[in-house]
Amino acid sequence: MLFLPKVGLTLFIVFYTFGNVCALCSTMFLMGPMKQLKRMCDKTRALATTIMLTCLVLTLCAAFWWKNFGLALLFCILQVLSFSWYSLSYIPCVREAIMKAVSICVK
């Protein structure tokens, strides 16, 4: 999709964002929608959920309304990072271990 002239990047962004929305909806299928929505709003996941949903919307805004494809690709990368951080919140102690590893590497 990226190499199609004029519409390739827009199609990539749309399909990529749609894929992330489908991945999020698949967890609702496994747990049930209400339980998933309650878990998404837990205090440990609220920030990650907010950033993830904001990145989904901003990616589409950057592609369609602002016509800034560099910004749209940046938001695609932020989608990956925020969705990963959100997903890691379901595994006990993983986010703390990652934060500790990053802090050791930065020192």
PDB file of N, CA and C in Angstrom:
ATOM      1  N   MET A   1       0.811  -1.198   0.000  1.00  0.00           N
ATOM      2  CA  MET A   1       0.000   0.000   0.000  1.00  0.00           C
ATOM      3  C   MET A   1       0.857   1.267   0.000  1.00  0.00           C
ATOM      4  N   LEU A   2       1.987   1.210   0.666  1.00  0.00           N
ATOM      5  CA  LEU A   2       2.810   2.404   0.785  1.00  0.00           C
ATOM      6  C   LEU A   2       3.326   2.914  -0.547  1.00  0.00           C
ATOM      7  N   PHE A   3       3.473   2.037  -1.528  1.00  0.00           N
ATOM      8  CA  PHE A   3       4.089   2.418  -2.783  1.00  0.00           C
ATOM      9  C   PHE A   3       3.089   2.756  -3.883  1.00  0.00           C
ATOM     10  N   LEU A   4       1.813   2.744  -3.578  1.00  0.00           N
ATOM     11  CA  LEU A   4       0.820   3.178  -4.563  1.00  0.00           C
ATOM     12  C   LEU A   4       0.859   4.702  -4.650  1.00  0.00           C
ATOM     13  N   PRO A   5       0.812   5.248  -5.836  1.00  0.00           N
ATOM     14  CA  PRO A   5       0.883   6.706  -5.958  1.00  0.00           C
ATOM     15  C   PRO A   5      -0.358   7.390  -5.388  1.00  0.00           C
ATOM     16  N   LYS A   6      -0.148   8.460  -4.688  1.00  0.00           N
ATOM     17  CA  LYS A   6      -1.148   9.382  -4.137  1.00  0.00           C
ATOM     18  C   LYS A   6      -1.984   8.802  -2.999  1.00  0.00           C
ATOM     19  N   VAL A   7      -2.543   7.628  -3.133  1.00  0.00           N
ATOM     20  CA  VAL A   7      -3.450   7.109  -2.104  1.00  0.00           C
ATOM     21  C   VAL A   7      -2.818   6.009  -1.252  1.00  0.00           C
ATOM     22  N   GLY A   8      -1.601   5.615  -1.571  1.00  0.00           N
ATOM     23  CA  GLY A   8      -0.989   4.485  -0.891  1.00  0.00           C
ATOM     24  C   GLY A   8      -0.798   4.698   0.592  1.00  0.00           C
ATOM     25  N   LEU A   9      -0.266   5.848   0.972  1.00  0.00           N
ATOM     26  CA  LEU A   9      -0.027   6.125   2.385  1.00  0.00           C
ATOM     27  C   LEU A   9      -1.337   6.273   3.152  1.00  0.00           C
ATOM     28  N   THR A  10      -2.309   6.894   2.521  1.00  0.00           N
ATOM     29  CA  THR A  10      -3.613   7.047   3.169  1.00  0.00           C
ATOM     30  C   THR A  10      -4.262   5.684   3.406  1.00  0.00           C
ATOM     31  N   LEU A  11      -4.195   4.806   2.429  1.00  0.00           N
ATOM     32  CA  LEU A  11      -4.757   3.462   2.603  1.00  0.00           C
ATOM     33  C   LEU A  11      -4.020   2.688   3.689  1.00  0.00           C
ATOM     34  N   PHE A  12      -2.696   2.824   3.712  1.00  0.00           N
ATOM     35  CA  PHE A  12      -1.914   2.166   4.753  1.00  0.00           C
ATOM     36  C   PHE A  12      -2.350   2.639   6.136  1.00  0.00           C
ATOM     37  N   ILE A  13      -2.506   3.930   6.295  1.00  0.00           N
ATOM     38  CA  ILE A  13      -2.887   4.491   7.592  1.00  0.00           C
ATOM     39  C   ILE A  13      -4.277   4.028   7.998  1.00  0.00           C
ATOM     40  N   VAL A  14      -5.197   4.019   7.058  1.00  0.00           N
ATOM     41  CA  VAL A  14      -6.562   3.574   7.358  1.00  0.00           C
ATOM     42  C   VAL A  14      -6.566   2.098   7.758  1.00  0.00           C
ATOM     43  N   PHE A  15      -5.912   1.250   6.973  1.00  0.00           N
ATOM     44  CA  PHE A  15      -5.898  -0.182   7.282  1.00  0.00           C
ATOM     45  C   PHE A  15      -5.137  -0.475   8.568  1.00  0.00           C
ATOM     46  N   TYR A  16      -4.059   0.250   8.814  1.00  0.00           N
ATOM     47  CA  TYR A  16      -3.275   0.045  10.025  1.00  0.00           C
ATOM     48  C   TYR A  16      -4.091   0.412  11.260  1.00  0.00           C
ATOM     49  N   THR A  17      -4.772   1.549  11.212  1.00  0.00           N
ATOM     50  CA  THR A  17      -5.606   1.975  12.330  1.00  0.00           C
ATOM     51  C   THR A  17      -6.781   1.023  12.512  1.00  0.00           C
ATOM     52  N   PHE A  18      -7.393   0.600  11.412  1.00  0.00           N
ATOM     53  CA  PHE A  18      -8.493  -0.359  11.489  1.00  0.00           C
ATOM     54  C   PHE A  18      -8.018  -1.683  12.099  1.00  0.00           C
ATOM     55  N   GLY A  19      -6.810  -2.096  11.762  1.00  0.00           N
ATOM     56  CA  GLY A  19      -6.249  -3.319  12.346  1.00  0.00           C
ATOM     57  C   GLY A  19      -6.055  -3.206  13.850  1.00  0.00           C
ATOM     58  N   ASN A  20      -5.608  -2.049  14.310  1.00  0.00           N
ATOM     59  CA  ASN A  20      -5.453  -1.850  15.751  1.00  0.00           C
ATOM     60  C   ASN A  20      -6.796  -1.812  16.463  1.00  0.00           C
ATOM     61  N   VAL A  21      -7.802  -1.223  15.833  1.00  0.00           N
ATOM     62  CA  VAL A  21      -9.145  -1.223  16.421  1.00  0.00           C
ATOM     63  C   VAL A  21      -9.681  -2.657  16.487  1.00  0.00           C
ATOM     64  N   CYS A  22      -9.448  -3.443  15.446  1.00  0.00           N
ATOM     65  CA  CYS A  22      -9.869  -4.854  15.458  1.00  0.00           C
ATOM     66  C   CYS A  22      -9.148  -5.642  16.545  1.00  0.00           C
ATOM     67  N   ALA A  23      -7.865  -5.369  16.756  1.00  0.00           N
ATOM     68  CA  ALA A  23      -7.116  -6.045  17.809  1.00  0.00           C
ATOM     69  C   ALA A  23      -7.678  -5.693  19.172  1.00  0.00           C
ATOM     70  N   LEU A  24      -8.051  -4.446  19.358  1.00  0.00           N
ATOM     71  CA  LEU A  24      -8.654  -4.032  20.628  1.00  0.00           C
ATOM     72  C   LEU A  24     -10.023  -4.685  20.812  1.00  0.00           C
ATOM     73  N   CYS A  25     -10.795  -4.759  19.751  1.00  0.00           N
ATOM     74  CA  CYS A  25     -12.121  -5.396  19.834  1.00  0.00           C
ATOM     75  C   CYS A  25     -12.011  -6.901  20.060  1.00  0.00           C
ATOM     76  N   SER A  26     -10.927  -7.513  19.624  1.00  0.00           N
ATOM     77  CA  SER A  26     -10.779  -8.957  19.838  1.00  0.00           C
ATOM     78  C   SER A  26     -10.641  -9.281  21.324  1.00  0.00           C
ATOM     79  N   THR A  27     -10.047  -8.388  22.093  1.00  0.00           N
ATOM     80  CA  THR A  27      -9.980  -8.634  23.536  1.00  0.00           C
ATOM     81  C   THR A  27     -11.362  -8.512  24.163  1.00  0.00           C
ATOM     82  N   MET A  28     -12.211  -7.688  23.579  1.00  0.00           N
ATOM     83  CA  MET A  28     -13.583  -7.590  24.079  1.00  0.00           C
ATOM     84  C   MET A  28     -14.343  -8.885  23.807  1.00  0.00           C
ATOM     85  N   PHE A  29     -14.004  -9.538  22.720  1.00  0.00           N
ATOM     86  CA  PHE A  29     -14.635 -10.811  22.392  1.00  0.00           C
ATOM     87  C   PHE A  29     -14.243 -11.882  23.413  1.00  0.00           C
ATOM     88  N   LEU A  30     -12.983 -11.848  23.861  1.00  0.00           N
ATOM     89  CA  LEU A  30     -12.508 -12.860  24.797  1.00  0.00           C
ATOM     90  C   LEU A  30     -13.053 -12.663  26.202  1.00  0.00           C
ATOM     91  N   MET A  31     -13.125 -11.426  26.660  1.00  0.00           N
ATOM     92  CA  MET A  31     -13.540 -11.150  28.035  1.00  0.00           C
ATOM     93  C   MET A  31     -14.991 -10.733  28.165  1.00  0.00           C
ATOM     94  N   GLY A  32     -15.537 -10.246  27.110  1.00  0.00           N
ATOM     95  CA  GLY A  32     -16.845  -9.627  27.177  1.00  0.00           C
ATOM     96  C   GLY A  32     -16.668  -8.117  27.161  1.00  0.00           C
ATOM     97  N   PRO A  33     -17.549  -7.416  26.486  1.00  0.00           N
ATOM     98  CA  PRO A  33     -17.354  -5.978  26.316  1.00  0.00           C
ATOM     99  C   PRO A  33     -17.357  -5.183  27.623  1.00  0.00           C
ATOM    100  N   MET A  34     -18.259  -5.473  28.516  1.00  0.00           N
ATOM    101  CA  MET A  34     -18.347  -4.686  29.748  1.00  0.00           C
ATOM    102  C   MET A  34     -17.139  -4.911  30.651  1.00  0.00           C
ATOM    103  N   LYS A  35     -16.711  -6.143  30.762  1.00  0.00           N
ATOM    104  CA  LYS A  35     -15.545  -6.433  31.591  1.00  0.00           C
ATOM    105  C   LYS A  35     -14.293  -5.782  31.008  1.00  0.00           C
ATOM    106  N   GLN A  36     -14.173  -5.810  29.691  1.00  0.00           N
ATOM    107  CA  GLN A  36     -13.031  -5.183  29.040  1.00  0.00           C
ATOM    108  C   GLN A  36     -13.049  -3.671  29.244  1.00  0.00           C
ATOM    109  N   LEU A  37     -14.211  -3.048  29.084  1.00  0.00           N
ATOM    110  CA  LEU A  37     -14.298  -1.600  29.277  1.00  0.00           C
ATOM    111  C   LEU A  37     -13.964  -1.211  30.715  1.00  0.00           C
ATOM    112  N   LYS A  38     -14.403  -2.032  31.671  1.00  0.00           N
ATOM    113  CA  LYS A  38     -14.059  -1.756  33.072  1.00  0.00           C
ATOM    114  C   LYS A  38     -12.564  -1.892  33.303  1.00  0.00           C
ATOM    115  N   ARG A  39     -11.961  -2.896  32.701  1.00  0.00           N
ATOM    116  CA  ARG A  39     -10.512  -3.085  32.855  1.00  0.00           C
ATOM    117  C   ARG A  39      -9.720  -1.995  32.151  1.00  0.00           C
ATOM    118  N   MET A  40     -10.245  -1.498  31.043  1.00  0.00           N
ATOM    119  CA  MET A  40      -9.553  -0.423  30.338  1.00  0.00           C
ATOM    120  C   MET A  40      -9.500   0.851  31.171  1.00  0.00           C
ATOM    121  N   CYS A  41     -10.472   1.030  32.039  1.00  0.00           N
ATOM    122  CA  CYS A  41     -10.550   2.244  32.854  1.00  0.00           C
ATOM    123  C   CYS A  41      -9.938   2.080  34.241  1.00  0.00           C
ATOM    124  N   ASP A  42      -9.317   0.932  34.535  1.00  0.00           N
ATOM    125  CA  ASP A  42      -8.608   0.773  35.804  1.00  0.00           C
ATOM    126  C   ASP A  42      -7.532   1.832  35.918  1.00  0.00           C
ATOM    127  N   LYS A  43      -7.143   2.141  37.154  1.00  0.00           N
ATOM    128  CA  LYS A  43      -6.155   3.207  37.341  1.00  0.00           C
ATOM    129  C   LYS A  43      -4.796   2.848  36.744  1.00  0.00           C
ATOM    130  N   THR A  44      -4.485   1.552  36.630  1.00  0.00           N
ATOM    131  CA  THR A  44      -3.194   1.166  36.037  1.00  0.00           C
ATOM    132  C   THR A  44      -3.204   1.252  34.521  1.00  0.00           C
ATOM    133  N   ARG A  45      -4.389   1.251  33.915  1.00  0.00           N
ATOM    134  CA  ARG A  45      -4.483   1.261  32.456  1.00  0.00           C
ATOM    135  C   ARG A  45      -5.102   2.528  31.887  1.00  0.00           C
ATOM    136  N   ALA A  46      -5.612   3.403  32.712  1.00  0.00           N
ATOM    137  CA  ALA A  46      -6.349   4.572  32.215  1.00  0.00           C
ATOM    138  C   ALA A  46      -5.480   5.459  31.335  1.00  0.00           C
ATOM    139  N   LEU A  47      -4.263   5.732  31.740  1.00  0.00           N
ATOM    140  CA  LEU A  47      -3.386   6.581  30.944  1.00  0.00           C
ATOM    141  C   LEU A  47      -3.023   5.900  29.622  1.00  0.00           C
ATOM    142  N   ALA A  48      -2.688   4.620  29.675  1.00  0.00           N
ATOM    143  CA  ALA A  48      -2.343   3.889  28.455  1.00  0.00           C
ATOM    144  C   ALA A  48      -3.536   3.821  27.505  1.00  0.00           C
ATOM    145  N   THR A  49      -4.723   3.626  28.036  1.00  0.00           N
ATOM    146  CA  THR A  49      -5.931   3.587  27.213  1.00  0.00           C
ATOM    147  C   THR A  49      -6.179   4.931  26.554  1.00  0.00           C
ATOM    148  N   THR A  50      -6.036   6.000  27.319  1.00  0.00           N
ATOM    149  CA  THR A  50      -6.262   7.338  26.786  1.00  0.00           C
ATOM    150  C   THR A  50      -5.273   7.665  25.678  1.00  0.00           C
ATOM    151  N   ILE A  51      -4.006   7.365  25.899  1.00  0.00           N
ATOM    152  CA  ILE A  51      -2.993   7.641  24.883  1.00  0.00           C
ATOM    153  C   ILE A  51      -3.243   6.793  23.635  1.00  0.00           C
ATOM    154  N   MET A  52      -3.590   5.534  23.828  1.00  0.00           N
ATOM    155  CA  MET A  52      -3.829   4.645  22.695  1.00  0.00           C
ATOM    156  C   MET A  52      -5.008   5.131  21.849  1.00  0.00           C
ATOM    157  N   LEU A  53      -6.122   5.457  22.472  1.00  0.00           N
ATOM    158  CA  LEU A  53      -7.290   5.917  21.725  1.00  0.00           C
ATOM    159  C   LEU A  53      -7.042   7.279  21.075  1.00  0.00           C
ATOM    160  N   THR A  54      -6.304   8.139  21.757  1.00  0.00           N
ATOM    161  CA  THR A  54      -5.965   9.442  21.192  1.00  0.00           C
ATOM    162  C   THR A  54      -5.090   9.287  19.953  1.00  0.00           C
ATOM    163  N   CYS A  55      -4.127   8.376  20.016  1.00  0.00           N
ATOM    164  CA  CYS A  55      -3.260   8.135  18.858  1.00  0.00           C
ATOM    165  C   CYS A  55      -4.042   7.582  17.676  1.00  0.00           C
ATOM    166  N   LEU A  56      -5.027   6.736  17.942  1.00  0.00           N
ATOM    167  CA  LEU A  56      -5.862   6.213  16.857  1.00  0.00           C
ATOM    168  C   LEU A  56      -6.586   7.349  16.138  1.00  0.00           C
ATOM    169  N   VAL A  57      -7.169   8.245  16.911  1.00  0.00           N
ATOM    170  CA  VAL A  57      -7.919   9.358  16.325  1.00  0.00           C
ATOM    171  C   VAL A  57      -6.979  10.344  15.632  1.00  0.00           C
ATOM    172  N   LEU A  58      -5.855  10.668  16.279  1.00  0.00           N
ATOM    173  CA  LEU A  58      -4.931  11.640  15.697  1.00  0.00           C
ATOM    174  C   LEU A  58      -4.286  11.138  14.408  1.00  0.00           C
ATOM    175  N   THR A  59      -4.091   9.839  14.300  1.00  0.00           N
ATOM    176  CA  THR A  59      -3.545   9.279  13.061  1.00  0.00           C
ATOM    177  C   THR A  59      -4.482   9.554  11.893  1.00  0.00           C
ATOM    178  N   LEU A  60      -5.753   9.308  12.111  1.00  0.00           N
ATOM    179  CA  LEU A  60      -6.736   9.547  11.046  1.00  0.00           C
ATOM    180  C   LEU A  60      -6.887  11.041  10.758  1.00  0.00           C
ATOM    181  N   CYS A  61      -6.836  11.866  11.796  1.00  0.00           N
ATOM    182  CA  CYS A  61      -6.914  13.321  11.588  1.00  0.00           C
ATOM    183  C   CYS A  61      -5.733  13.823  10.772  1.00  0.00           C
ATOM    184  N   ALA A  62      -4.536  13.334  11.090  1.00  0.00           N
ATOM    185  CA  ALA A  62      -3.343  13.769  10.370  1.00  0.00           C
ATOM    186  C   ALA A  62      -3.385  13.333   8.908  1.00  0.00           C
ATOM    187  N   ALA A  63      -3.982  12.192   8.641  1.00  0.00           N
ATOM    188  CA  ALA A  63      -4.031  11.697   7.263  1.00  0.00           C
ATOM    189  C   ALA A  63      -5.115  12.388   6.432  1.00  0.00           C
ATOM    190  N   PHE A  64      -6.287  12.600   7.016  1.00  0.00           N
ATOM    191  CA  PHE A  64      -7.414  13.096   6.223  1.00  0.00           C
ATOM    192  C   PHE A  64      -7.618  14.602   6.297  1.00  0.00           C
ATOM    193  N   TRP A  65      -7.550  15.173   7.494  1.00  0.00           N
ATOM    194  CA  TRP A  65      -7.864  16.595   7.620  1.00  0.00           C
ATOM    195  C   TRP A  65      -6.629  17.477   7.490  1.00  0.00           C
ATOM    196  N   TRP A  66      -5.539  17.073   8.139  1.00  0.00           N
ATOM    197  CA  TRP A  66      -4.345  17.916   8.128  1.00  0.00           C
ATOM    198  C   TRP A  66      -3.453  17.636   6.931  1.00  0.00           C
ATOM    199  N   LYS A  67      -3.631  16.490   6.287  1.00  0.00           N
ATOM    200  CA  LYS A  67      -2.831  16.082   5.112  1.00  0.00           C
ATOM    201  C   LYS A  67      -1.322  16.127   5.399  1.00  0.00           C
ATOM    202  N   ASN A  68      -0.953  15.765   6.612  1.00  0.00           N
ATOM    203  CA  ASN A  68       0.455  15.749   7.017  1.00  0.00           C
ATOM    204  C   ASN A  68       0.847  14.294   7.241  1.00  0.00           C
ATOM    205  N   PHE A  69       1.450  13.672   6.242  1.00  0.00           N
ATOM    206  CA  PHE A  69       1.717  12.243   6.299  1.00  0.00           C
ATOM    207  C   PHE A  69       2.891  11.902   7.203  1.00  0.00           C
ATOM    208  N   GLY A  70       3.823  12.833   7.379  1.00  0.00           N
ATOM    209  CA  GLY A  70       4.897  12.608   8.347  1.00  0.00           C
ATOM    210  C   GLY A  70       4.343  12.503   9.757  1.00  0.00           C
ATOM    211  N   LEU A  71       3.409  13.372  10.073  1.00  0.00           N
ATOM    212  CA  LEU A  71       2.760  13.334  11.375  1.00  0.00           C
ATOM    213  C   LEU A  71       1.904  12.072  11.529  1.00  0.00           C
ATOM    214  N   ALA A  72       1.270  11.674  10.453  1.00  0.00           N
ATOM    215  CA  ALA A  72       0.457  10.451  10.495  1.00  0.00           C
ATOM    216  C   ALA A  72       1.325   9.228  10.752  1.00  0.00           C
ATOM    217  N   LEU A  73       2.503   9.175  10.136  1.00  0.00           N
ATOM    218  CA  LEU A  73       3.413   8.052  10.398  1.00  0.00           C
ATOM    219  C   LEU A  73       3.944   8.081  11.822  1.00  0.00           C
ATOM    220  N   LEU A  74       4.184   9.286  12.345  1.00  0.00           N
ATOM    221  CA  LEU A  74       4.589   9.400  13.751  1.00  0.00           C
ATOM    222  C   LEU A  74       3.497   8.855  14.665  1.00  0.00           C
ATOM    223  N   PHE A  75       2.249   9.194  14.371  1.00  0.00           N
ATOM    224  CA  PHE A  75       1.148   8.671  15.174  1.00  0.00           C
ATOM    225  C   PHE A  75       0.983   7.164  15.014  1.00  0.00           C
ATOM    226  N   CYS A  76       1.328   6.610  13.851  1.00  0.00           N
ATOM    227  CA  CYS A  76       1.319   5.147  13.676  1.00  0.00           C
ATOM    228  C   CYS A  76       2.345   4.496  14.610  1.00  0.00           C
ATOM    229  N   ILE A  77       3.516   5.103  14.692  1.00  0.00           N
ATOM    230  CA  ILE A  77       4.547   4.579  15.596  1.00  0.00           C
ATOM    231  C   ILE A  77       4.076   4.693  17.040  1.00  0.00           C
ATOM    232  N   LEU A  78       3.449   5.815  17.382  1.00  0.00           N
ATOM    233  CA  LEU A  78       2.915   5.975  18.735  1.00  0.00           C
ATOM    234  C   LEU A  78       1.784   4.984  19.017  1.00  0.00           C
ATOM    235  N   GLN A  79       1.043   4.606  17.981  1.00  0.00           N
ATOM    236  CA  GLN A  79       0.019   3.568  18.153  1.00  0.00           C
ATOM    237  C   GLN A  79       0.659   2.256  18.586  1.00  0.00           C
ATOM    238  N   VAL A  80       1.745   1.890  17.925  1.00  0.00           N
ATOM    239  CA  VAL A  80       2.439   0.650  18.266  1.00  0.00           C
ATOM    240  C   VAL A  80       2.914   0.688  19.711  1.00  0.00           C
ATOM    241  N   LEU A  81       3.563   1.777  20.079  1.00  0.00           N
ATOM    242  CA  LEU A  81       4.109   1.882  21.428  1.00  0.00           C
ATOM    243  C   LEU A  81       3.008   1.907  22.489  1.00  0.00           C
ATOM    244  N   SER A  82       1.967   2.689  22.251  1.00  0.00           N
ATOM    245  CA  SER A  82       0.904   2.781  23.251  1.00  0.00           C
ATOM    246  C   SER A  82       0.104   1.486  23.346  1.00  0.00           C
ATOM    247  N   PHE A  83      -0.136   0.816  22.213  1.00  0.00           N
ATOM    248  CA  PHE A  83      -0.868  -0.452  22.254  1.00  0.00           C
ATOM    249  C   PHE A  83      -0.030  -1.529  22.937  1.00  0.00           C
ATOM    250  N   SER A  84       1.271  -1.493  22.721  1.00  0.00           N
ATOM    251  CA  SER A  84       2.158  -2.450  23.402  1.00  0.00           C
ATOM    252  C   SER A  84       2.159  -2.215  24.901  1.00  0.00           C
ATOM    253  N   TRP A  85       2.261  -0.943  25.298  1.00  0.00           N
ATOM    254  CA  TRP A  85       2.269  -0.604  26.728  1.00  0.00           C
ATOM    255  C   TRP A  85       0.935  -0.997  27.369  1.00  0.00           C
ATOM    256  N   TYR A  86      -0.151  -0.763  26.656  1.00  0.00           N
ATOM    257  CA  TYR A  86      -1.470  -1.159  27.144  1.00  0.00           C
ATOM    258  C   TYR A  86      -1.557  -2.676  27.289  1.00  0.00           C
ATOM    259  N   SER A  87      -1.084  -3.409  26.304  1.00  0.00           N
ATOM    260  CA  SER A  87      -1.147  -4.875  26.346  1.00  0.00           C
ATOM    261  C   SER A  87      -0.284  -5.443  27.461  1.00  0.00           C
ATOM    262  N   LEU A  88       0.862  -4.826  27.699  1.00  0.00           N
ATOM    263  CA  LEU A  88       1.743  -5.305  28.767  1.00  0.00           C
ATOM    264  C   LEU A  88       1.142  -5.102  30.151  1.00  0.00           C
ATOM    265  N   SER A  89       0.158  -4.227  30.268  1.00  0.00           N
ATOM    266  CA  SER A  89      -0.461  -3.999  31.575  1.00  0.00           C
ATOM    267  C   SER A  89      -1.264  -5.210  32.054  1.00  0.00           C
ATOM    268  N   TYR A  90      -1.568  -6.127  31.160  1.00  0.00           N
ATOM    269  CA  TYR A  90      -2.315  -7.321  31.544  1.00  0.00           C
ATOM    270  C   TYR A  90      -1.407  -8.427  32.079  1.00  0.00           C
ATOM    271  N   ILE A  91      -0.104  -8.277  31.926  1.00  0.00           N
ATOM    272  CA  ILE A  91       0.838  -9.272  32.432  1.00  0.00           C
ATOM    273  C   ILE A  91       1.419  -8.725  33.729  1.00  0.00           C
ATOM    274  N   PRO A  92       1.243  -9.427  34.841  1.00  0.00           N
ATOM    275  CA  PRO A  92       1.686  -8.889  36.130  1.00  0.00           C
ATOM    276  C   PRO A  92       3.191  -8.597  36.155  1.00  0.00           C
ATOM    277  N   CYS A  93       3.532  -7.434  36.668  1.00  0.00           N
ATOM    278  CA  CYS A  93       4.905  -6.986  36.951  1.00  0.00           C
ATOM    279  C   CYS A  93       5.767  -6.740  35.710  1.00  0.00           C
ATOM    280  N   VAL A  94       5.255  -6.878  34.513  1.00  0.00           N
ATOM    281  CA  VAL A  94       6.078  -6.700  33.319  1.00  0.00           C
ATOM    282  C   VAL A  94       6.413  -5.235  33.094  1.00  0.00           C
ATOM    283  N   ARG A  95       5.438  -4.356  33.255  1.00  0.00           N
ATOM    284  CA  ARG A  95       5.715  -2.940  33.030  1.00  0.00           C
ATOM    285  C   ARG A  95       6.741  -2.415  34.031  1.00  0.00           C
ATOM    286  N   GLU A  96       6.663  -2.867  35.268  1.00  0.00           N
ATOM    287  CA  GLU A  96       7.647  -2.444  36.268  1.00  0.00           C
ATOM    288  C   GLU A  96       9.038  -2.956  35.900  1.00  0.00           C
ATOM    289  N   ALA A  97       9.115  -4.187  35.403  1.00  0.00           N
ATOM    290  CA  ALA A  97      10.403  -4.748  35.000  1.00  0.00           C
ATOM    291  C   ALA A  97      10.989  -3.985  33.815  1.00  0.00           C
ATOM    292  N   ILE A  98      10.145  -3.601  32.866  1.00  0.00           N
ATOM    293  CA  ILE A  98      10.608  -2.835  31.719  1.00  0.00           C
ATOM    294  C   ILE A  98      11.102  -1.469  32.159  1.00  0.00           C
ATOM    295  N   MET A  99      10.360  -0.820  33.040  1.00  0.00           N
ATOM    296  CA  MET A  99      10.777   0.499  33.539  1.00  0.00           C
ATOM    297  C   MET A  99      12.113   0.403  34.270  1.00  0.00           C
ATOM    298  N   LYS A 100      12.282  -0.665  35.042  1.00  0.00           N
ATOM    299  CA  LYS A 100      13.543  -0.847  35.771  1.00  0.00           C
ATOM    300  C   LYS A 100      14.694  -1.099  34.790  1.00  0.00           C
ATOM    301  N   ALA A 101      14.470  -1.913  33.775  1.00  0.00           N
ATOM    302  CA  ALA A 101      15.497  -2.191  32.773  1.00  0.00           C
ATOM    303  C   ALA A 101      15.888  -0.935  32.003  1.00  0.00           C
ATOM    304  N   VAL A 102      14.899  -0.108  31.665  1.00  0.00           N
ATOM    305  CA  VAL A 102      15.176   1.123  30.942  1.00  0.00           C
ATOM    306  C   VAL A 102      15.956   2.085  31.828  1.00  0.00           C
ATOM    307  N   SER A 103      15.582   2.166  33.096  1.00  0.00           N
ATOM    308  CA  SER A 103      16.304   3.067  33.994  1.00  0.00           C
ATOM    309  C   SER A 103      17.753   2.616  34.205  1.00  0.00           C
ATOM    310  N   ILE A 104      17.994   1.325  34.204  1.00  0.00           N
ATOM    311  CA  ILE A 104      19.369   0.818  34.315  1.00  0.00           C
ATOM    312  C   ILE A 104      20.147   1.149  33.051  1.00  0.00           C
ATOM    313  N   CYS A 105      19.524   1.000  31.894  1.00  0.00           N
ATOM    314  CA  CYS A 105      20.201   1.299  30.618  1.00  0.00           C
ATOM    315  C   CYS A 105      20.504   2.780  30.449  1.00  0.00           C
ATOM    316  N   VAL A 106      19.641   3.626  30.992  1.00  0.00           N
ATOM    317  CA  VAL A 106      19.816   5.059  30.836  1.00  0.00           C
ATOM    318  C   VAL A 106      20.929   5.582  31.740  1.00  0.00           C
ATOM    319  N   LYS A 107      21.144   4.947  32.869  1.00  0.00           N
ATOM    320  CA  LYS A 107      22.180   5.398  33.803  1.00  0.00           C
ATOM    321  C   LYS A 107      23.509   5.286  33.231  1.00  0.00           C
TER     322      LYS A 107
END
